[in-house]
Structures are given as C-alpha cells and as structure tokens.
Amino acid sequence: PLPPSAAWLHRDARTGFEVTYFRDDARGVL
C-alpha cells in the first residue's frame, strides 16, 4: 500500500521539491 505521503528533491534538470499526499477511497486513489 501507498504511504500517506512522499517527497522528492528535484535536481540537475531543475532545482526544486515535490510533496504528494495519497488517499484511497471507493473510487480509487486521490
């Protein structure tokens, strides 16, 4: 199963950061 959240450091092609949150429900994944 997916964790509640995940994060990535963007590097080389660009400098930045990304954060995601996951929620399973009856329709799939949000």
PDB file of all heavy atoms in Angstrom:
ATOM      1  N   PRO A   1       0.821  -1.217   0.000  1.00  0.00           N
ATOM      2  CA  PRO A   1       0.000   0.000   0.000  1.00  0.00           C
ATOM      3  C   PRO A   1       0.855   1.268   0.000  1.00  0.00           C
ATOM      4  O   PRO A   1       1.981   1.280   0.508  1.00  0.00           O
ATOM      5  CB  PRO A   1      -0.800  -0.127   1.299  1.00  0.00           C
ATOM      6  CG  PRO A   1      -0.845  -1.595   1.570  1.00  0.00           C
ATOM      7  CD  PRO A   1       0.481  -2.129   1.090  1.00  0.00           C
ATOM      8  N   LEU A   2       0.293   2.316  -0.573  1.00  0.00           N
ATOM      9  CA  LEU A   2       0.988   3.611  -0.604  1.00  0.00           C
ATOM     10  C   LEU A   2       1.139   4.171   0.799  1.00  0.00           C
ATOM     11  O   LEU A   2       0.259   3.989   1.649  1.00  0.00           O
ATOM     12  CB  LEU A   2       0.191   4.609  -1.446  1.00  0.00           C
ATOM     13  CG  LEU A   2       0.121   4.332  -2.937  1.00  0.00           C
ATOM     14  CD1 LEU A   2      -0.899   5.258  -3.590  1.00  0.00           C
ATOM     15  CD2 LEU A   2       1.484   4.506  -3.587  1.00  0.00           C
ATOM     16  N   PRO A   3       2.226   4.900   1.059  1.00  0.00           N
ATOM     17  CA  PRO A   3       2.347   5.609   2.329  1.00  0.00           C
ATOM     18  C   PRO A   3       1.385   6.806   2.326  1.00  0.00           C
ATOM     19  O   PRO A   3       0.846   7.161   1.274  1.00  0.00           O
ATOM     20  CB  PRO A   3       3.805   6.064   2.335  1.00  0.00           C
ATOM     21  CG  PRO A   3       4.135   6.237   0.877  1.00  0.00           C
ATOM     22  CD  PRO A   3       3.359   5.148   0.167  1.00  0.00           C
ATOM     23  N   PRO A   4       1.174   7.452   3.460  1.00  0.00           N
ATOM     24  CA  PRO A   4       0.296   8.631   3.473  1.00  0.00           C
ATOM     25  C   PRO A   4       0.837   9.789   2.627  1.00  0.00           C
ATOM     26  O   PRO A   4       0.075  10.597   2.106  1.00  0.00           O
ATOM     27  CB  PRO A   4       0.228   9.033   4.947  1.00  0.00           C
ATOM     28  CG  PRO A   4       0.713   7.858   5.714  1.00  0.00           C
ATOM     29  CD  PRO A   4       1.611   7.073   4.803  1.00  0.00           C
ATOM     30  N   SER A   5       2.179   9.868   2.503  1.00  0.00           N
ATOM     31  CA  SER A   5       2.782  10.960   1.738  1.00  0.00           C
ATOM     32  C   SER A   5       4.147  10.526   1.224  1.00  0.00           C
ATOM     33  O   SER A   5       4.700   9.517   1.643  1.00  0.00           O
ATOM     34  CB  SER A   5       2.927  12.214   2.615  1.00  0.00           C
ATOM     35  OG  SER A   5       3.809  11.947   3.697  1.00  0.00           O
ATOM     36  N   ALA A   6       4.683  11.323   0.306  1.00  0.00           N
ATOM     37  CA  ALA A   6       6.025  11.095  -0.237  1.00  0.00           C
ATOM     38  C   ALA A   6       6.580  12.440  -0.697  1.00  0.00           C
ATOM     39  O   ALA A   6       5.818  13.378  -0.949  1.00  0.00           O
ATOM     40  CB  ALA A   6       5.977  10.108  -1.400  1.00  0.00           C
ATOM     41  N   ALA A   7       7.913  12.515  -0.803  1.00  0.00           N
ATOM     42  CA  ALA A   7       8.548  13.763  -1.228  1.00  0.00           C
ATOM     43  C   ALA A   7       9.799  13.454  -2.036  1.00  0.00           C
ATOM     44  O   ALA A   7      10.454  12.429  -1.824  1.00  0.00           O
ATOM     45  CB  ALA A   7       8.894  14.622  -0.016  1.00  0.00           C
ATOM     46  N   TRP A   8      10.104  14.347  -2.969  1.00  0.00           N
ATOM     47  CA  TRP A   8      11.266  14.210  -3.836  1.00  0.00           C
ATOM     48  C   TRP A   8      12.028  15.525  -3.916  1.00  0.00           C
ATOM     49  O   TRP A   8      11.427  16.608  -3.986  1.00  0.00           O
ATOM     50  CB  TRP A   8      10.852  13.836  -5.256  1.00  0.00           C
ATOM     51  CG  TRP A   8      10.273  12.479  -5.375  1.00  0.00           C
ATOM     52  CD1 TRP A   8      10.935  11.322  -5.708  1.00  0.00           C
ATOM     53  CD2 TRP A   8       8.909  12.106  -5.182  1.00  0.00           C
ATOM     54  NE1 TRP A   8      10.058  10.269  -5.715  1.00  0.00           N
ATOM     55  CE2 TRP A   8       8.804  10.724  -5.399  1.00  0.00           C
ATOM     56  CE3 TRP A   8       7.747  12.808  -4.826  1.00  0.00           C
ATOM     57  CZ2 TRP A   8       7.614  10.025  -5.274  1.00  0.00           C
ATOM     58  CZ3 TRP A   8       6.555  12.117  -4.709  1.00  0.00           C
ATOM     59  CH2 TRP A   8       6.495  10.743  -4.933  1.00  0.00           C
ATOM     60  N   LEU A   9      13.346  15.430  -3.954  1.00  0.00           N
ATOM     61  CA  LEU A   9      14.217  16.558  -4.244  1.00  0.00           C
ATOM     62  C   LEU A   9      14.478  16.528  -5.739  1.00  0.00           C
ATOM     63  O   LEU A   9      14.973  15.525  -6.263  1.00  0.00           O
ATOM     64  CB  LEU A   9      15.527  16.430  -3.468  1.00  0.00           C
ATOM     65  CG  LEU A   9      16.573  17.511  -3.746  1.00  0.00           C
ATOM     66  CD1 LEU A   9      16.061  18.870  -3.283  1.00  0.00           C
ATOM     67  CD2 LEU A   9      17.878  17.145  -3.057  1.00  0.00           C
ATOM     68  N   HIS A  10      14.121  17.592  -6.430  1.00  0.00           N
ATOM     69  CA  HIS A  10      14.387  17.694  -7.865  1.00  0.00           C
ATOM     70  C   HIS A  10      15.768  18.316  -8.038  1.00  0.00           C
ATOM     71  O   HIS A  10      16.095  19.308  -7.393  1.00  0.00           O
ATOM     72  CB  HIS A  10      13.310  18.545  -8.544  1.00  0.00           C
ATOM     73  CG  HIS A  10      11.992  17.836  -8.621  1.00  0.00           C
ATOM     74  ND1 HIS A  10      11.306  17.680  -9.798  1.00  0.00           N
ATOM     75  CD2 HIS A  10      11.234  17.232  -7.677  1.00  0.00           C
ATOM     76  CE1 HIS A  10      10.184  17.015  -9.580  1.00  0.00           C
ATOM     77  NE2 HIS A  10      10.123  16.739  -8.286  1.00  0.00           N
ATOM     78  N   ARG A  11      16.555  17.713  -8.920  1.00  0.00           N
ATOM     79  CA  ARG A  11      17.939  18.144  -9.087  1.00  0.00           C
ATOM     80  C   ARG A  11      18.384  17.975 -10.535  1.00  0.00           C
ATOM     81  O   ARG A  11      17.726  17.295 -11.305  1.00  0.00           O
ATOM     82  CB  ARG A  11      18.850  17.333  -8.168  1.00  0.00           C
ATOM     83  CG  ARG A  11      18.695  15.840  -8.403  1.00  0.00           C
ATOM     84  CD  ARG A  11      19.592  15.002  -7.539  1.00  0.00           C
ATOM     85  NE  ARG A  11      19.270  13.602  -7.582  1.00  0.00           N
ATOM     86  CZ  ARG A  11      19.324  12.816  -8.646  1.00  0.00           C
ATOM     87  NH1 ARG A  11      19.680  13.312  -9.802  1.00  0.00           N
ATOM     88  NH2 ARG A  11      19.009  11.543  -8.584  1.00  0.00           N
ATOM     89  N   ASP A  12      19.454  18.604 -10.869  1.00  0.00           N
ATOM     90  CA  ASP A  12      20.080  18.537 -12.191  1.00  0.00           C
ATOM     91  C   ASP A  12      19.253  19.275 -13.244  1.00  0.00           C
ATOM     92  O   ASP A  12      19.608  20.381 -13.619  1.00  0.00           O
ATOM     93  CB  ASP A  12      20.369  17.099 -12.632  1.00  0.00           C
ATOM     94  CG  ASP A  12      21.335  16.386 -11.682  1.00  0.00           C
ATOM     95  OD1 ASP A  12      22.118  17.073 -11.010  1.00  0.00           O
ATOM     96  OD2 ASP A  12      21.276  15.152 -11.603  1.00  0.00           O
ATOM     97  N   ALA A  13      18.157  18.712 -13.727  1.00  0.00           N
ATOM     98  CA  ALA A  13      17.348  19.376 -14.757  1.00  0.00           C
ATOM     99  C   ALA A  13      16.725  20.659 -14.222  1.00  0.00           C
ATOM    100  O   ALA A  13      16.491  21.604 -14.968  1.00  0.00           O
ATOM    101  CB  ALA A  13      16.253  18.446 -15.275  1.00  0.00           C
ATOM    102  N   ARG A  14      16.442  20.673 -12.918  1.00  0.00           N
ATOM    103  CA  ARG A  14      15.890  21.851 -12.243  1.00  0.00           C
ATOM    104  C   ARG A  14      16.201  21.702 -10.762  1.00  0.00           C
ATOM    105  O   ARG A  14      16.551  20.624 -10.295  1.00  0.00           O
ATOM    106  CB  ARG A  14      14.384  21.950 -12.463  1.00  0.00           C
ATOM    107  CG  ARG A  14      13.622  20.741 -11.983  1.00  0.00           C
ATOM    108  CD  ARG A  14      12.123  20.892 -12.227  1.00  0.00           C
ATOM    109  NE  ARG A  14      11.432  19.637 -12.138  1.00  0.00           N
ATOM    110  CZ  ARG A  14      10.945  18.971 -13.182  1.00  0.00           C
ATOM    111  NH1 ARG A  14      11.077  19.444 -14.388  1.00  0.00           N
ATOM    112  NH2 ARG A  14      10.326  17.827 -13.009  1.00  0.00           N
ATOM    113  N   THR A  15      16.029  22.778 -10.021  1.00  0.00           N
ATOM    114  CA  THR A  15      16.218  22.751  -8.575  1.00  0.00           C
ATOM    115  C   THR A  15      14.857  22.960  -7.942  1.00  0.00           C
ATOM    116  O   THR A  15      14.184  23.957  -8.227  1.00  0.00           O
ATOM    117  CB  THR A  15      17.173  23.877  -8.130  1.00  0.00           C
ATOM    118  OG1 THR A  15      18.414  23.713  -8.829  1.00  0.00           O
ATOM    119  CG2 THR A  15      17.403  23.830  -6.635  1.00  0.00           C
ATOM    120  N   GLY A  16      14.427  21.998  -7.122  1.00  0.00           N
ATOM    121  CA  GLY A  16      13.114  22.147  -6.522  1.00  0.00           C
ATOM    122  C   GLY A  16      12.747  20.995  -5.611  1.00  0.00           C
ATOM    123  O   GLY A  16      13.600  20.178  -5.253  1.00  0.00           O
ATOM    124  N   PHE A  17      11.468  20.948  -5.283  1.00  0.00           N
ATOM    125  CA  PHE A  17      10.971  19.963  -4.336  1.00  0.00           C
ATOM    126  C   PHE A  17       9.534  19.613  -4.702  1.00  0.00           C
ATOM    127  O   PHE A  17       8.802  20.448  -5.234  1.00  0.00           O
ATOM    128  CB  PHE A  17      11.031  20.538  -2.913  1.00  0.00           C
ATOM    129  CG  PHE A  17      11.126  19.490  -1.848  1.00  0.00           C
ATOM    130  CD1 PHE A  17      12.303  18.793  -1.635  1.00  0.00           C
ATOM    131  CD2 PHE A  17      10.033  19.200  -1.054  1.00  0.00           C
ATOM    132  CE1 PHE A  17      12.391  17.823  -0.647  1.00  0.00           C
ATOM    133  CE2 PHE A  17      10.111  18.233  -0.069  1.00  0.00           C
ATOM    134  CZ  PHE A  17      11.292  17.549   0.142  1.00  0.00           C
ATOM    135  N   GLU A  18       9.138  18.383  -4.395  1.00  0.00           N
ATOM    136  CA  GLU A  18       7.774  17.919  -4.655  1.00  0.00           C
ATOM    137  C   GLU A  18       7.276  17.135  -3.445  1.00  0.00           C
ATOM    138  O   GLU A  18       8.020  16.346  -2.867  1.00  0.00           O
ATOM    139  CB  GLU A  18       7.755  17.024  -5.890  1.00  0.00           C
ATOM    140  CG  GLU A  18       6.402  16.426  -6.200  1.00  0.00           C
ATOM    141  CD  GLU A  18       6.421  15.528  -7.424  1.00  0.00           C
ATOM    142  OE1 GLU A  18       7.512  15.269  -7.976  1.00  0.00           O
ATOM    143  OE2 GLU A  18       5.341  15.077  -7.829  1.00  0.00           O
ATOM    144  N   VAL A  19       6.029  17.364  -3.079  1.00  0.00           N
ATOM    145  CA  VAL A  19       5.386  16.640  -1.984  1.00  0.00           C
ATOM    146  C   VAL A  19       4.039  16.135  -2.484  1.00  0.00           C
ATOM    147  O   VAL A  19       3.314  16.858  -3.171  1.00  0.00           O
ATOM    148  CB  VAL A  19       5.161  17.555  -0.762  1.00  0.00           C
ATOM    149  CG1 VAL A  19       4.401  16.823   0.339  1.00  0.00           C
ATOM    150  CG2 VAL A  19       6.481  18.079  -0.233  1.00  0.00           C
ATOM    151  N   THR A  20       3.721  14.876  -2.158  1.00  0.00           N
ATOM    152  CA  THR A  20       2.421  14.314  -2.530  1.00  0.00           C
ATOM    153  C   THR A  20       1.761  13.672  -1.315  1.00  0.00           C
ATOM    154  O   THR A  20       2.431  13.208  -0.391  1.00  0.00           O
ATOM    155  CB  THR A  20       2.554  13.219  -3.617  1.00  0.00           C
ATOM    156  OG1 THR A  20       3.434  12.210  -3.144  1.00  0.00           O
ATOM    157  CG2 THR A  20       3.054  13.774  -4.916  1.00  0.00           C
ATOM    158  N   TYR A  21       0.413  13.657  -1.351  1.00  0.00           N
ATOM    159  CA  TYR A  21      -0.400  13.006  -0.327  1.00  0.00           C
ATOM    160  C   TYR A  21      -1.347  12.051  -1.045  1.00  0.00           C
ATOM    161  O   TYR A  21      -1.889  12.380  -2.100  1.00  0.00           O
ATOM    162  CB  TYR A  21      -1.195  14.039   0.466  1.00  0.00           C
ATOM    163  CG  TYR A  21      -0.286  15.007   1.186  1.00  0.00           C
ATOM    164  CD1 TYR A  21       0.061  16.223   0.599  1.00  0.00           C
ATOM    165  CD2 TYR A  21       0.244  14.691   2.429  1.00  0.00           C
ATOM    166  CE1 TYR A  21       0.911  17.103   1.235  1.00  0.00           C
ATOM    167  CE2 TYR A  21       1.097  15.577   3.077  1.00  0.00           C
ATOM    168  CZ  TYR A  21       1.430  16.777   2.483  1.00  0.00           C
ATOM    169  OH  TYR A  21       2.279  17.644   3.112  1.00  0.00           O
ATOM    170  N   PHE A  22      -1.557  10.872  -0.458  1.00  0.00           N
ATOM    171  CA  PHE A  22      -2.363   9.832  -1.086  1.00  0.00           C
ATOM    172  C   PHE A  22      -3.541   9.468  -0.196  1.00  0.00           C
ATOM    173  O   PHE A  22      -3.397   9.358   1.022  1.00  0.00           O
ATOM    174  CB  PHE A  22      -1.514   8.572  -1.317  1.00  0.00           C
ATOM    175  CG  PHE A  22      -0.221   8.846  -2.022  1.00  0.00           C
ATOM    176  CD1 PHE A  22       0.974   8.883  -1.323  1.00  0.00           C
ATOM    177  CD2 PHE A  22      -0.201   9.092  -3.383  1.00  0.00           C
ATOM    178  CE1 PHE A  22       2.171   9.146  -1.966  1.00  0.00           C
ATOM    179  CE2 PHE A  22       0.980   9.359  -4.037  1.00  0.00           C
ATOM    180  CZ  PHE A  22       2.170   9.381  -3.327  1.00  0.00           C
ATOM    181  N   ARG A  23      -4.671   9.234  -0.848  1.00  0.00           N
ATOM    182  CA  ARG A  23      -5.855   8.788  -0.123  1.00  0.00           C
ATOM    183  C   ARG A  23      -6.598   7.775  -0.981  1.00  0.00           C
ATOM    184  O   ARG A  23      -7.013   8.084  -2.100  1.00  0.00           O
ATOM    185  CB  ARG A  23      -6.740   9.980   0.230  1.00  0.00           C
ATOM    186  CG  ARG A  23      -7.836   9.622   1.185  1.00  0.00           C
ATOM    187  CD  ARG A  23      -8.564  10.836   1.728  1.00  0.00           C
ATOM    188  NE  ARG A  23      -9.140  11.635   0.654  1.00  0.00           N
ATOM    189  CZ  ARG A  23      -9.007  12.952   0.544  1.00  0.00           C
ATOM    190  NH1 ARG A  23      -8.307  13.632   1.415  1.00  0.00           N
ATOM    191  NH2 ARG A  23      -9.558  13.599  -0.445  1.00  0.00           N
ATOM    192  N   ASP A  24      -6.745   6.558  -0.461  1.00  0.00           N
ATOM    193  CA  ASP A  24      -7.548   5.529  -1.123  1.00  0.00           C
ATOM    194  C   ASP A  24      -8.999   5.709  -0.717  1.00  0.00           C
ATOM    195  O   ASP A  24      -9.292   6.027   0.443  1.00  0.00           O
ATOM    196  CB  ASP A  24      -7.109   4.119  -0.689  1.00  0.00           C
ATOM    197  CG  ASP A  24      -5.748   3.740  -1.244  1.00  0.00           C
ATOM    198  OD1 ASP A  24      -5.468   4.074  -2.399  1.00  0.00           O
ATOM    199  OD2 ASP A  24      -4.982   3.097  -0.508  1.00  0.00           O
ATOM    200  N   ASP A  25      -9.899   5.520  -1.672  1.00  0.00           N
ATOM    201  CA  ASP A  25     -11.322   5.530  -1.356  1.00  0.00           C
ATOM    202  C   ASP A  25     -12.041   4.573  -2.299  1.00  0.00           C
ATOM    203  O   ASP A  25     -11.397   3.866  -3.079  1.00  0.00           O
ATOM    204  CB  ASP A  25     -11.918   6.946  -1.398  1.00  0.00           C
ATOM    205  CG  ASP A  25     -11.815   7.625  -2.749  1.00  0.00           C
ATOM    206  OD1 ASP A  25     -11.747   6.927  -3.787  1.00  0.00           O
ATOM    207  OD2 ASP A  25     -11.828   8.867  -2.792  1.00  0.00           O
ATOM    208  N   ALA A  26     -13.345   4.534  -2.244  1.00  0.00           N
ATOM    209  CA  ALA A  26     -14.129   3.589  -3.040  1.00  0.00           C
ATOM    210  C   ALA A  26     -13.943   3.797  -4.542  1.00  0.00           C
ATOM    211  O   ALA A  26     -14.159   2.867  -5.328  1.00  0.00           O
ATOM    212  CB  ALA A  26     -15.609   3.699  -2.685  1.00  0.00           C
ATOM    213  N   ARG A  27     -13.533   4.994  -4.970  1.00  0.00           N
ATOM    214  CA  ARG A  27     -13.371   5.286  -6.398  1.00  0.00           C
ATOM    215  C   ARG A  27     -11.962   5.025  -6.911  1.00  0.00           C
ATOM    216  O   ARG A  27     -11.717   5.105  -8.105  1.00  0.00           O
ATOM    217  CB  ARG A  27     -13.764   6.737  -6.660  1.00  0.00           C
ATOM    218  CG  ARG A  27     -15.237   6.987  -6.423  1.00  0.00           C
ATOM    219  CD  ARG A  27     -15.650   8.436  -6.532  1.00  0.00           C
ATOM    220  NE  ARG A  27     -14.961   9.186  -7.563  1.00  0.00           N
ATOM    221  CZ  ARG A  27     -14.808  10.500  -7.530  1.00  0.00           C
ATOM    222  NH1 ARG A  27     -15.301  11.203  -6.537  1.00  0.00           N
ATOM    223  NH2 ARG A  27     -14.179  11.118  -8.509  1.00  0.00           N
ATOM    224  N   GLY A  28     -11.009   4.772  -6.015  1.00  0.00           N
ATOM    225  CA  GLY A  28      -9.634   4.557  -6.426  1.00  0.00           C
ATOM    226  C   GLY A  28      -8.669   5.299  -5.531  1.00  0.00           C
ATOM    227  O   GLY A  28      -8.744   5.201  -4.317  1.00  0.00           O
ATOM    228  N   VAL A  29      -7.773   6.070  -6.145  1.00  0.00           N
ATOM    229  CA  VAL A  29      -6.739   6.799  -5.404  1.00  0.00           C
ATOM    230  C   VAL A  29      -6.849   8.282  -5.737  1.00  0.00           C
ATOM    231  O   VAL A  29      -6.933   8.660  -6.912  1.00  0.00           O
ATOM    232  CB  VAL A  29      -5.324   6.287  -5.761  1.00  0.00           C
ATOM    233  CG1 VAL A  29      -4.258   7.055  -4.981  1.00  0.00           C
ATOM    234  CG2 VAL A  29      -5.204   4.799  -5.512  1.00  0.00           C
ATOM    235  N   LEU A  30      -6.822   9.109  -4.699  1.00  0.00           N
ATOM    236  CA  LEU A  30      -6.759  10.557  -4.864  1.00  0.00           C
ATOM    237  C   LEU A  30      -5.344  10.978  -4.489  1.00  0.00           C
ATOM    238  O   LEU A  30      -4.836  10.617  -3.418  1.00  0.00           O
ATOM    239  CB  LEU A  30      -7.773  11.252  -3.960  1.00  0.00           C
ATOM    240  CG  LEU A  30      -7.777  12.776  -4.016  1.00  0.00           C
ATOM    241  CD1 LEU A  30      -8.210  13.267  -5.389  1.00  0.00           C
ATOM    242  CD2 LEU A  30      -8.678  13.335  -2.931  1.00  0.00           C
TER     243      LEU A  30
END
